[in-house]
């Protein structure tokens, strides 16, 4: 009887602790301008096992793949619970999660994924918004209910064995280290880890291979097909808490078509030179809360997506009802980003009290002809930025797959200045109804950049209370409709505002007539 009472009290305490944790976020829902249910952490059965009990050895070299599979199967057969990973370095191949399982890393625990490509079979999946094939992800789960990765440990994807490297992004010693492995060169300053990886690049359109028919052809380019590190597809009640996620082969965290997603207090890291090394790509998800987390990566930091071009429109699942609060982004192509894969639509997003320190762009909205989709009802407030490499705020509908720094170096602004009107149809992307309030930035090349399409201007954008100091340039506005900028203070070396091809533009209470 005493054991039963103790068990009941433990379960009540566990549920109460989850309730208390989630109560801390109640105030966030009072600030948003749209209706969404409160995101809650899943509750798991009060049963746990230790990975060591299934034959795993945490010495950094003993392969633990089968031990993880046995432990997860055992937990699943018991109805779920917590898989505890203690201090040690747990070297493993892919881990496939199941419903009602919390992968819990104690402090000092490191899960290190093997670089052996033979452990990662090719699977049908989605990458960069397109239906394709990639190598199986180091951690994955599909069609799950109640799944979590929590604790104080670290998960390392061993991404350096997968990624290509550009010479200009690494030190001389790093370049020597990478190229000493052999591999192949696209040109003298662009290295791939194998001939197959280089061949994959040659037959790919924006990282997705085209025209491959046989299994042999796919396997020949296998090292090019870098997986995202954490892939959770069509899952309900997802919880990531406290863990360090780092060194992913491509994207780091990728929840796709998931519902009720809670990401809190995580640290997401990739080298600054990591190709496609995004931090978080939240794609076609519904009801998500990303709070108090830190990103320091090689591509976009926090990115909202919903599929690309015809594949994304066919899926037709928007990313909606998302709160991002209290997050920090260091290196990255963008701090908070929407796109460029937004073909299924993005709506009802609230971002507040975030800081971007050294990112290429602070707030980055990007897309291109061919996407389609509507991005609307985005609310952003209380953002601090420092040392931004290009624009504090960017709306660019001529995105060409480059970082903003690369685009600047290639002079893409001038290339896209020519008016070339296309018919409006399902492939035309639309960005509208976006409110940005109280942004402070010190140090940027340009305060803000608007570059809409002539057939679909960026529309109904309100920026209120923007202060940008120590900028090279002010604000460039091109192809917009009904943009309103109030209480704007820009300290720039060149002209504060350049406006072209825009209707209904109001700056600090004054209507601005723009030229063509």
Protein backbone atom coordinates (compact mmCIF):
# COMPACT_ATOMS: atom_id res chain seq x y z
CA UNK A 1 0.00 0.00 0.00
CA UNK A 2 2.84 2.39 0.86
CA UNK A 3 4.40 1.73 -2.54
CA UNK A 4 1.10 2.46 -4.27
CA UNK A 5 0.67 5.70 -2.33
CA UNK A 6 4.26 6.71 -3.11
CA UNK A 7 3.73 5.93 -6.81
CA UNK A 8 0.54 7.98 -6.90
CA UNK A 9 2.22 10.92 -5.19
CA UNK A 10 5.12 10.71 -7.63
CA UNK A 11 2.76 10.80 -10.62
CA UNK A 12 0.84 13.73 -9.13
CA UNK A 13 4.09 15.58 -8.47
CA UNK A 14 5.24 14.90 -12.03
CA UNK A 15 2.01 16.23 -13.54
CA UNK A 16 2.07 19.19 -11.16
CA UNK A 17 5.63 20.09 -12.15
CA UNK A 18 4.67 20.09 -15.85
CA UNK A 19 1.66 22.25 -15.06
CA UNK A 20 3.82 24.67 -13.06
CA UNK A 21 6.38 24.88 -15.87
CA UNK A 22 3.75 25.69 -18.46
CA UNK A 23 2.04 28.22 -16.18
CA UNK A 24 5.18 30.34 -16.52
CA UNK A 25 4.22 31.02 -20.13
CA UNK A 26 0.61 32.07 -19.54
CA UNK A 27 1.51 35.74 -19.86
CA UNK A 28 2.82 35.19 -23.38
CA UNK A 29 -0.64 34.34 -24.68
CA UNK A 30 -2.02 37.61 -23.32
CA UNK A 31 0.30 39.55 -25.65
CA UNK A 32 -0.57 37.88 -28.95
CA UNK A 33 -3.01 39.24 -31.53
CA UNK A 34 -4.52 35.93 -32.64
CA UNK A 35 -6.21 32.97 -31.02
CA UNK A 36 -4.23 29.82 -30.35
CA UNK A 37 -4.45 27.05 -27.76
CA UNK A 38 -1.78 26.93 -25.08
CA UNK A 39 1.16 24.69 -25.87
CA UNK A 40 1.80 22.09 -23.19
CA UNK A 41 4.59 19.64 -22.50
CA UNK A 42 3.65 15.97 -22.87
CA UNK A 43 3.33 13.85 -19.73
CA UNK A 44 4.99 10.44 -19.80
CA UNK A 45 4.40 7.26 -17.78
CA UNK A 46 6.37 7.14 -14.55
CA UNK A 47 8.68 4.40 -15.77
CA UNK A 48 12.33 4.71 -16.73
CA UNK A 49 15.27 2.65 -17.87
CA UNK A 50 18.99 3.34 -18.22
CA UNK A 51 20.71 2.87 -21.57
CA UNK A 52 23.49 0.92 -19.79
CA UNK A 53 20.98 -1.78 -18.87
CA UNK A 54 20.71 -2.65 -22.58
CA UNK A 55 24.41 -3.17 -23.19
CA UNK A 56 25.49 0.36 -24.10
CA UNK A 57 29.01 1.45 -23.18
CA UNK A 58 29.68 5.17 -22.95
CA UNK A 59 33.37 5.10 -23.83
CA UNK A 60 33.10 7.15 -27.03
CA UNK A 61 34.00 4.30 -29.37
CA UNK A 62 31.73 1.31 -28.62
CA UNK A 63 28.79 1.44 -31.04
CA UNK A 64 25.51 1.72 -29.12
CA UNK A 65 23.01 1.63 -32.00
CA UNK A 66 21.46 -1.71 -31.06
CA UNK A 67 21.34 -0.79 -27.36
CA UNK A 68 19.31 2.35 -28.12
CA UNK A 69 16.94 0.33 -30.33
CA UNK A 70 16.45 -2.35 -27.63
CA UNK A 71 15.83 0.25 -24.94
CA UNK A 72 13.28 2.13 -27.04
CA UNK A 73 11.50 -1.09 -28.00
CA UNK A 74 11.37 -2.11 -24.33
CA UNK A 75 9.94 1.25 -23.26
CA UNK A 76 7.40 1.18 -26.05
CA UNK A 77 6.23 -2.30 -25.02
CA UNK A 78 5.74 -1.00 -21.47
CA UNK A 79 3.62 1.92 -22.69
CA UNK A 80 6.45 4.45 -22.70
CA UNK A 81 8.54 6.34 -20.19
CA UNK A 82 11.99 7.87 -19.84
CA UNK A 83 15.18 6.56 -21.44
CA UNK A 84 17.98 7.87 -19.24
CA UNK A 85 21.39 8.47 -20.81
CA UNK A 86 23.97 9.00 -18.04
CA UNK A 87 27.36 10.72 -18.12
CA UNK A 88 29.59 9.37 -20.85
CA UNK A 89 30.10 9.58 -24.60
CA UNK A 90 27.58 7.32 -26.32
CA UNK A 91 28.74 6.60 -29.87
CA UNK A 92 25.88 5.45 -32.06
CA UNK A 93 24.16 5.20 -35.40
CA UNK A 94 20.62 6.49 -36.00
CA UNK A 95 18.14 6.57 -33.12
CA UNK A 96 14.47 6.09 -34.06
CA UNK A 97 12.08 7.38 -31.41
CA UNK A 98 8.62 6.02 -30.63
CA UNK A 99 5.47 7.42 -29.01
CA UNK A 100 5.40 8.16 -25.28
CA UNK A 101 9.19 8.16 -24.93
CA UNK A 102 11.34 10.88 -23.37
CA UNK A 103 15.01 10.59 -24.37
CA UNK A 104 16.60 12.16 -21.28
CA UNK A 105 20.29 13.12 -21.13
CA UNK A 106 21.79 13.63 -17.69
CA UNK A 107 24.42 16.29 -17.19
CA UNK A 108 27.67 15.15 -18.77
CA UNK A 109 25.97 12.83 -21.25
CA UNK A 110 27.03 13.18 -24.88
CA UNK A 111 25.35 11.29 -27.72
CA UNK A 112 27.85 11.29 -30.57
CA UNK A 113 26.71 10.02 -33.96
CA UNK A 114 28.97 7.88 -36.07
CA UNK A 115 30.20 9.34 -39.38
CA UNK A 116 29.91 5.94 -41.09
CA UNK A 117 27.51 6.54 -44.02
CA UNK A 118 26.66 2.83 -44.16
CA UNK A 119 24.67 3.30 -40.94
CA UNK A 120 22.36 5.86 -42.57
CA UNK A 121 20.19 4.27 -45.29
CA UNK A 122 18.52 6.38 -47.97
CA UNK A 123 14.89 7.17 -47.18
CA UNK A 124 12.01 9.05 -48.79
CA UNK A 125 11.63 12.38 -47.03
CA UNK A 126 11.36 16.13 -47.51
CA UNK A 127 14.35 18.47 -47.65
CA UNK A 128 14.27 22.20 -48.20
CA UNK A 129 10.54 21.88 -48.79
CA UNK A 130 10.74 19.34 -51.63
CA UNK A 131 9.88 15.65 -51.71
CA UNK A 132 13.14 13.79 -52.24
CA UNK A 133 15.52 11.22 -50.75
CA UNK A 134 18.13 11.80 -48.09
CA UNK A 135 20.14 9.75 -45.64
CA UNK A 136 18.24 8.74 -42.52
CA UNK A 137 18.50 11.36 -39.78
CA UNK A 138 20.59 10.68 -36.67
CA UNK A 139 17.43 11.16 -34.58
CA UNK A 140 14.01 10.66 -36.15
CA UNK A 141 10.38 9.95 -35.41
CA UNK A 142 7.28 9.84 -37.59
CA UNK A 143 3.58 9.83 -36.71
CA UNK A 144 4.31 9.87 -32.98
CA UNK A 145 2.29 11.12 -30.02
CA UNK A 146 4.16 12.40 -26.97
CA UNK A 147 7.87 12.51 -27.78
CA UNK A 148 10.63 14.42 -26.02
CA UNK A 149 14.38 15.02 -25.87
CA UNK A 150 15.23 16.58 -22.52
CA UNK A 151 17.96 16.99 -19.94
CA UNK A 152 21.32 18.70 -19.57
CA UNK A 153 23.49 16.72 -21.97
CA UNK A 154 24.60 17.23 -25.56
CA UNK A 155 23.85 15.64 -28.93
CA UNK A 156 26.52 15.90 -31.63
CA UNK A 157 25.79 15.00 -35.25
CA UNK A 158 29.45 14.72 -36.33
CA UNK A 159 28.55 17.03 -39.20
CA UNK A 160 32.14 17.79 -40.19
CA UNK A 161 32.35 14.42 -41.92
CA UNK A 162 29.36 15.27 -44.14
CA UNK A 163 29.54 18.94 -45.08
CA UNK A 164 31.32 20.64 -47.98
CA UNK A 165 33.48 23.63 -47.05
CA UNK A 166 34.19 26.97 -48.70
CA UNK A 167 37.75 28.16 -48.19
CA UNK A 168 36.74 31.76 -47.52
CA UNK A 169 34.71 30.71 -44.47
CA UNK A 170 37.42 28.83 -42.55
CA UNK A 171 40.90 29.48 -41.26
CA UNK A 172 43.98 28.30 -43.14
CA UNK A 173 44.55 25.51 -40.63
CA UNK A 174 40.93 24.37 -40.87
CA UNK A 175 41.17 24.34 -44.65
CA UNK A 176 44.29 22.17 -44.50
CA UNK A 177 42.61 19.82 -42.05
CA UNK A 178 39.52 19.32 -44.23
CA UNK A 179 41.33 18.98 -47.55
CA UNK A 180 43.90 16.54 -46.08
CA UNK A 181 41.11 13.93 -45.98
CA UNK A 182 41.08 13.65 -49.76
CA UNK A 183 37.68 14.41 -51.24
CA UNK A 184 37.12 16.49 -54.34
CA UNK A 185 37.11 20.14 -55.39
CA UNK A 186 34.34 21.98 -57.22
CA UNK A 187 36.87 24.75 -57.71
CA UNK A 188 40.09 25.57 -55.84
CA UNK A 189 38.17 27.16 -52.97
CA UNK A 190 35.19 24.78 -52.65
CA UNK A 191 35.85 21.32 -51.19
CA UNK A 192 33.57 18.28 -50.98
CA UNK A 193 34.23 15.25 -48.75
CA UNK A 194 34.04 12.77 -51.66
CA UNK A 195 33.78 12.51 -55.44
CA UNK A 196 30.22 11.25 -54.96
CA UNK A 197 29.29 14.30 -52.92
CA UNK A 198 30.65 16.56 -55.66
CA UNK A 199 28.71 14.63 -58.30
CA UNK A 200 25.56 15.08 -56.20
CA UNK A 201 26.12 18.82 -56.22
CA UNK A 202 26.42 18.81 -59.99
CA UNK A 203 23.06 17.06 -60.51
CA UNK A 204 21.21 19.03 -57.82
CA UNK A 205 18.99 22.07 -57.95
CA UNK A 206 19.30 23.88 -54.61
CA UNK A 207 20.52 20.73 -52.78
CA UNK A 208 17.85 18.42 -54.25
CA UNK A 209 19.12 15.99 -56.95
CA UNK A 210 17.31 15.87 -60.27
CA UNK A 211 17.05 13.14 -62.90
CA UNK A 212 18.28 10.17 -60.85
CA UNK A 213 16.52 6.91 -61.71
CA UNK A 214 18.40 3.90 -60.40
CA UNK A 215 19.33 2.93 -56.86
CA UNK A 216 22.96 2.83 -57.97
CA UNK A 217 22.81 6.47 -59.02
CA UNK A 218 21.38 7.48 -55.65
CA UNK A 219 23.98 5.50 -53.72
CA UNK A 220 26.80 6.98 -55.77
CA UNK A 221 25.97 10.46 -54.41
CA UNK A 222 25.04 9.29 -50.90
CA UNK A 223 27.48 11.59 -49.09
CA UNK A 224 25.84 14.56 -50.79
CA UNK A 225 22.48 13.61 -49.24
CA UNK A 226 23.24 15.03 -45.82
CA UNK A 227 20.40 14.48 -43.32
CA UNK A 228 18.91 16.94 -40.88
CA UNK A 229 20.03 15.92 -37.38
CA UNK A 230 16.65 15.78 -35.60
CA UNK A 231 13.72 14.95 -37.89
CA UNK A 232 10.25 14.74 -36.35
CA UNK A 233 7.48 14.33 -38.93
CA UNK A 234 3.72 14.45 -38.30
CA UNK A 235 4.15 14.18 -34.54
CA UNK A 236 1.83 15.50 -31.85
CA UNK A 237 3.06 16.82 -28.50
CA UNK A 238 6.76 17.42 -29.12
CA UNK A 239 9.05 18.64 -26.35
CA UNK A 240 12.71 19.67 -26.59
CA UNK A 241 14.12 20.96 -23.32
CA UNK A 242 17.55 21.89 -21.98
CA UNK A 243 19.73 19.87 -24.34
CA UNK A 244 22.65 21.07 -26.46
CA UNK A 245 22.13 20.16 -30.14
CA UNK A 246 25.25 20.71 -32.22
CA UNK A 247 27.31 19.92 -35.29
CA UNK A 248 24.51 18.69 -37.54
CA UNK A 249 25.17 17.32 -41.06
CA UNK A 250 22.70 19.90 -42.45
CA UNK A 251 19.74 21.47 -40.61
CA UNK A 252 19.85 20.91 -36.88
CA UNK A 253 16.23 20.73 -35.62
CA UNK A 254 13.43 20.06 -38.12
CA UNK A 255 9.89 19.54 -36.85
CA UNK A 256 7.75 18.96 -39.96
CA UNK A 257 3.93 18.95 -39.88
CA UNK A 258 3.94 18.62 -36.10
CA UNK A 259 1.36 19.94 -33.63
CA UNK A 260 1.77 21.23 -30.08
CA UNK A 261 5.53 21.80 -30.16
CA UNK A 262 7.40 23.13 -27.11
CA UNK A 263 11.07 24.04 -27.51
CA UNK A 264 12.59 25.63 -24.41
CA UNK A 265 16.01 26.36 -22.96
CA UNK A 266 17.93 24.57 -25.71
CA UNK A 267 21.31 25.54 -27.14
CA UNK A 268 21.69 24.91 -30.86
CA UNK A 269 25.21 25.19 -32.29
CA UNK A 270 26.93 24.71 -35.61
CA UNK A 271 30.22 26.08 -36.93
CA UNK A 272 29.78 29.43 -38.64
CA UNK A 273 31.03 27.83 -41.87
CA UNK A 274 28.45 25.00 -41.78
CA UNK A 275 26.72 24.74 -45.17
CA UNK A 276 22.91 24.56 -44.68
CA UNK A 277 23.64 24.56 -40.95
CA UNK A 278 20.31 26.07 -39.87
CA UNK A 279 19.42 26.05 -36.18
CA UNK A 280 15.64 25.48 -36.09
CA UNK A 281 13.45 25.00 -39.15
CA UNK A 282 9.83 24.85 -38.03
CA UNK A 283 7.98 23.65 -41.13
CA UNK A 284 4.20 23.37 -41.62
CA UNK A 285 3.71 23.08 -37.85
CA UNK A 286 0.71 24.20 -35.81
CA UNK A 287 0.74 25.58 -32.26
CA UNK A 288 4.39 25.98 -31.32
CA UNK A 289 6.23 27.77 -28.52
CA UNK A 290 9.97 28.48 -28.82
CA UNK A 291 11.29 30.13 -25.67
CA UNK A 292 14.52 31.06 -23.89
CA UNK A 293 16.72 29.27 -26.41
CA UNK A 294 20.07 30.14 -27.97
CA UNK A 295 21.26 29.62 -31.54
CA UNK A 296 24.77 30.02 -32.94
CA UNK A 297 24.87 28.45 -36.38
CA UNK A 298 26.08 28.46 -39.98
CA UNK A 299 22.80 29.41 -41.67
CA UNK A 300 19.43 30.80 -40.51
CA UNK A 301 18.88 30.74 -36.75
CA UNK A 302 15.11 30.47 -36.16
CA UNK A 303 13.32 29.82 -39.44
CA UNK A 304 9.63 29.39 -40.28
CA UNK A 305 8.82 27.34 -43.41
CA UNK A 306 5.95 25.49 -45.12
CA UNK A 307 7.27 23.69 -48.19
CA UNK A 308 8.65 24.78 -51.53
CA UNK A 309 7.04 25.48 -54.90
CA UNK A 310 4.64 22.85 -56.29
CA UNK A 311 5.47 20.28 -53.58
CA UNK A 312 4.72 22.80 -50.85
CA UNK A 313 1.51 23.98 -52.49
CA UNK A 314 0.37 20.38 -52.96
CA UNK A 315 1.00 19.66 -49.28
CA UNK A 316 -0.91 22.84 -48.46
CA UNK A 317 -0.10 22.84 -44.75
CA UNK A 318 0.73 26.30 -43.36
CA UNK A 319 3.00 27.01 -40.43
CA UNK A 320 0.70 28.76 -37.99
CA UNK A 321 0.18 29.80 -34.38
CA UNK A 322 3.80 30.22 -33.29
CA UNK A 323 5.28 32.18 -30.39
CA UNK A 324 9.02 32.91 -30.28
CA UNK A 325 10.05 34.57 -27.03
CA UNK A 326 13.27 35.42 -25.23
CA UNK A 327 15.64 33.81 -27.72
CA UNK A 328 19.19 34.74 -28.70
CA UNK A 329 20.87 34.26 -32.06
CA UNK A 330 24.59 34.80 -32.50
CA UNK A 331 26.11 33.85 -35.86
CA UNK A 332 23.70 32.92 -38.62
CA UNK A 333 22.34 34.13 -41.93
CA UNK A 334 19.29 35.49 -40.13
CA UNK A 335 18.06 35.86 -36.57
CA UNK A 336 14.34 35.32 -37.10
CA UNK A 337 13.52 34.22 -40.64
CA UNK A 338 10.44 33.43 -42.72
CA UNK A 339 11.07 31.52 -45.96
CA UNK A 340 12.23 31.07 -48.47
CA UNK A 341 10.21 27.83 -48.55
CA UNK A 342 6.77 29.23 -47.61
CA UNK A 343 4.58 27.77 -50.37
CA UNK A 344 2.03 26.34 -47.94
CA UNK A 345 1.62 29.68 -46.17
CA UNK A 346 2.75 31.19 -42.88
CA UNK A 347 0.39 32.98 -40.51
CA UNK A 348 -0.17 34.00 -36.91
CA UNK A 349 3.40 34.37 -35.66
CA UNK A 350 4.41 36.40 -32.58
CA UNK A 351 8.09 37.17 -31.88
CA UNK A 352 9.18 39.19 -28.84
CA UNK A 353 12.11 40.02 -26.56
CA UNK A 354 14.79 38.44 -28.74
CA UNK A 355 18.37 39.53 -29.35
CA UNK A 356 20.49 39.04 -32.45
CA UNK A 357 24.24 39.48 -31.96
CA UNK A 358 26.39 39.31 -35.06
CA UNK A 359 23.92 37.73 -37.48
CA UNK A 360 24.03 38.52 -41.20
CA UNK A 361 20.43 39.86 -41.03
CA UNK A 362 18.25 40.49 -38.00
CA UNK A 363 14.66 40.01 -39.22
CA UNK A 364 14.70 38.27 -42.58
CA UNK A 365 11.71 37.67 -44.88
CA UNK A 366 12.62 35.97 -48.14
CA UNK A 367 11.00 34.23 -51.09
CA UNK A 368 11.03 34.11 -54.87
CA UNK A 369 8.81 33.68 -57.88
CA UNK A 370 7.63 30.11 -58.17
CA UNK A 371 6.90 29.64 -54.48
CA UNK A 372 3.32 30.86 -54.19
CA UNK A 373 1.92 30.93 -50.67
CA UNK A 374 0.87 33.78 -48.38
CA UNK A 375 2.80 35.07 -45.37
CA UNK A 376 0.56 37.18 -43.15
CA UNK A 377 -0.32 38.20 -39.61
CA UNK A 378 3.24 38.39 -38.27
CA UNK A 379 3.77 40.43 -35.09
CA UNK A 380 7.28 41.29 -33.88
CA UNK A 381 8.24 43.51 -30.96
CA UNK A 382 11.05 44.34 -28.55
CA UNK A 383 14.03 43.17 -30.60
CA UNK A 384 17.63 44.18 -29.88
CA UNK A 385 20.42 43.80 -32.42
CA UNK A 386 24.15 44.46 -32.54
CA UNK A 387 26.81 44.06 -35.22
CA UNK A 388 24.48 43.06 -38.06
CA UNK A 389 26.47 42.29 -41.20
CA UNK A 390 23.90 43.50 -43.75
CA UNK A 391 20.31 44.59 -42.97
CA UNK A 392 18.58 44.93 -39.65
CA UNK A 393 15.29 44.15 -41.45
CA UNK A 394 14.93 42.57 -44.91
CA UNK A 395 11.98 41.81 -47.16
CA UNK A 396 13.40 40.26 -50.32
CA UNK A 397 11.20 38.54 -52.91
CA UNK A 398 14.17 37.95 -55.21
CA UNK A 399 15.90 35.39 -53.01
CA UNK A 400 18.38 33.34 -55.02
CA UNK A 401 19.70 30.80 -52.53
CA UNK A 402 22.55 32.93 -51.20
CA UNK A 403 23.20 34.41 -47.80
CA UNK A 404 22.67 38.15 -47.59
CA UNK A 405 26.43 38.65 -47.34
CA UNK A 406 27.02 36.61 -50.51
CA UNK A 407 24.19 38.42 -52.29
CA UNK A 408 25.71 41.77 -51.33
CA UNK A 409 29.15 40.73 -52.59
CA UNK A 410 27.65 39.61 -55.91
CA UNK A 411 25.74 42.87 -56.41
CA UNK A 412 22.34 41.19 -56.57
CA UNK A 413 20.52 44.38 -55.52
CA UNK A 414 21.42 46.00 -58.84
CA UNK A 415 20.63 42.84 -60.82
CA UNK A 416 17.10 42.80 -59.39
CA UNK A 417 16.40 46.50 -59.97
CA UNK A 418 15.03 45.96 -63.48
CA UNK A 419 11.22 45.89 -63.63
CA UNK A 420 10.08 42.61 -65.15
CA UNK A 421 6.37 42.13 -64.47
CA UNK A 422 5.02 38.58 -64.48
CA UNK A 423 1.37 37.43 -64.34
CA UNK A 424 0.00 36.81 -60.85
CA UNK A 425 -0.93 33.16 -60.34
CA UNK A 426 -0.57 30.37 -57.77
CA UNK A 427 3.22 30.60 -58.05
CA UNK A 428 3.34 34.24 -56.91
CA UNK A 429 4.45 34.63 -53.27
CA UNK A 430 2.67 37.19 -51.09
CA UNK A 431 3.93 38.94 -47.92
CA UNK A 432 1.41 41.16 -46.15
CA UNK A 433 0.05 42.36 -42.80
CA UNK A 434 3.28 42.38 -40.80
CA UNK A 435 3.74 44.60 -37.72
CA UNK A 436 7.18 45.31 -36.25
CA UNK A 437 7.50 47.40 -33.10
CA UNK A 438 10.36 48.67 -30.96
CA UNK A 439 13.53 47.47 -32.65
CA UNK A 440 16.90 48.83 -31.56
CA UNK A 441 20.03 48.09 -33.55
CA UNK A 442 23.58 49.34 -33.27
CA UNK A 443 25.84 48.52 -36.17
CA UNK A 444 24.43 47.42 -39.52
CA UNK A 445 25.31 47.93 -43.13
CA UNK A 446 21.73 49.02 -43.87
CA UNK A 447 18.80 49.79 -41.60
CA UNK A 448 16.08 48.11 -43.68
CA UNK A 449 15.53 46.76 -47.17
CA UNK A 450 12.22 46.22 -48.97
CA UNK A 451 12.38 44.50 -52.35
CA UNK A 452 8.95 43.26 -53.46
CA UNK A 453 7.86 41.95 -56.82
CA UNK A 454 6.39 44.46 -59.28
CA UNK A 455 3.33 42.22 -59.73
CA UNK A 456 3.04 41.55 -55.95
CA UNK A 457 4.47 44.33 -53.79
CA UNK A 458 5.20 43.73 -50.13
CA UNK A 459 1.97 45.03 -48.58
CA UNK A 460 0.60 46.46 -45.33
CA UNK A 461 3.83 46.54 -43.35
CA UNK A 462 3.95 48.71 -40.22
CA UNK A 463 7.25 49.43 -38.48
CA UNK A 464 6.84 51.53 -35.36
CA UNK A 465 9.68 52.71 -33.13
CA UNK A 466 12.80 51.68 -35.02
CA UNK A 467 16.21 53.00 -34.00
CA UNK A 468 19.28 52.06 -35.99
CA UNK A 469 22.60 53.66 -35.09
CA UNK A 470 25.98 53.46 -36.74
CA UNK A 471 24.71 52.16 -40.08
CA UNK A 472 26.37 52.50 -43.46
CA UNK A 473 23.06 53.11 -45.25
CA UNK A 474 19.50 53.99 -44.26
CA UNK A 475 16.29 52.41 -45.53
CA UNK A 476 15.74 51.24 -49.11
CA UNK A 477 12.09 50.77 -50.11
CA UNK A 478 11.20 49.29 -53.48
CA UNK A 479 7.95 47.79 -54.78
CA UNK A 480 5.75 48.11 -51.71
CA UNK A 481 2.14 49.01 -51.05
CA UNK A 482 0.79 50.70 -47.91
CA UNK A 483 3.98 50.59 -45.87
CA UNK A 484 3.92 52.79 -42.77
CA UNK A 485 7.03 53.72 -40.82
CA UNK A 486 6.46 55.66 -37.60
CA UNK A 487 8.96 57.00 -35.09
CA UNK A 488 11.89 55.97 -37.25
CA UNK A 489 15.37 57.10 -36.20
CA UNK A 490 18.27 56.07 -38.42
CA UNK A 491 21.83 57.26 -38.05
CA UNK A 492 23.53 56.40 -41.33
CA UNK A 493 26.46 57.66 -43.35
CA UNK A 494 24.35 57.93 -46.51
CA UNK A 495 20.81 59.15 -47.23
CA UNK A 496 18.31 58.01 -44.63
CA UNK A 497 15.57 56.79 -46.99
CA UNK A 498 15.54 55.78 -50.66
CA UNK A 499 12.04 54.93 -51.90
CA UNK A 500 10.99 53.72 -55.36
CA UNK A 501 7.97 52.12 -57.01
CA UNK A 502 5.83 52.21 -53.88
CA UNK A 503 2.20 53.15 -53.24
CA UNK A 504 0.77 54.55 -50.01
CA UNK A 505 4.13 54.98 -48.30
CA UNK A 506 4.04 56.97 -45.05
CA UNK A 507 7.18 57.79 -43.05
CA UNK A 508 6.94 59.57 -39.70
CA UNK A 509 3.46 60.81 -40.58
CA UNK A 510 4.36 62.11 -44.03
CA UNK A 511 3.15 60.66 -47.31
CA UNK A 512 6.04 59.97 -49.60
CA UNK A 513 5.74 60.19 -53.37
CA UNK A 514 8.14 57.77 -54.96
CA UNK A 515 9.60 57.66 -58.42
CA UNK A 516 9.48 54.71 -60.78
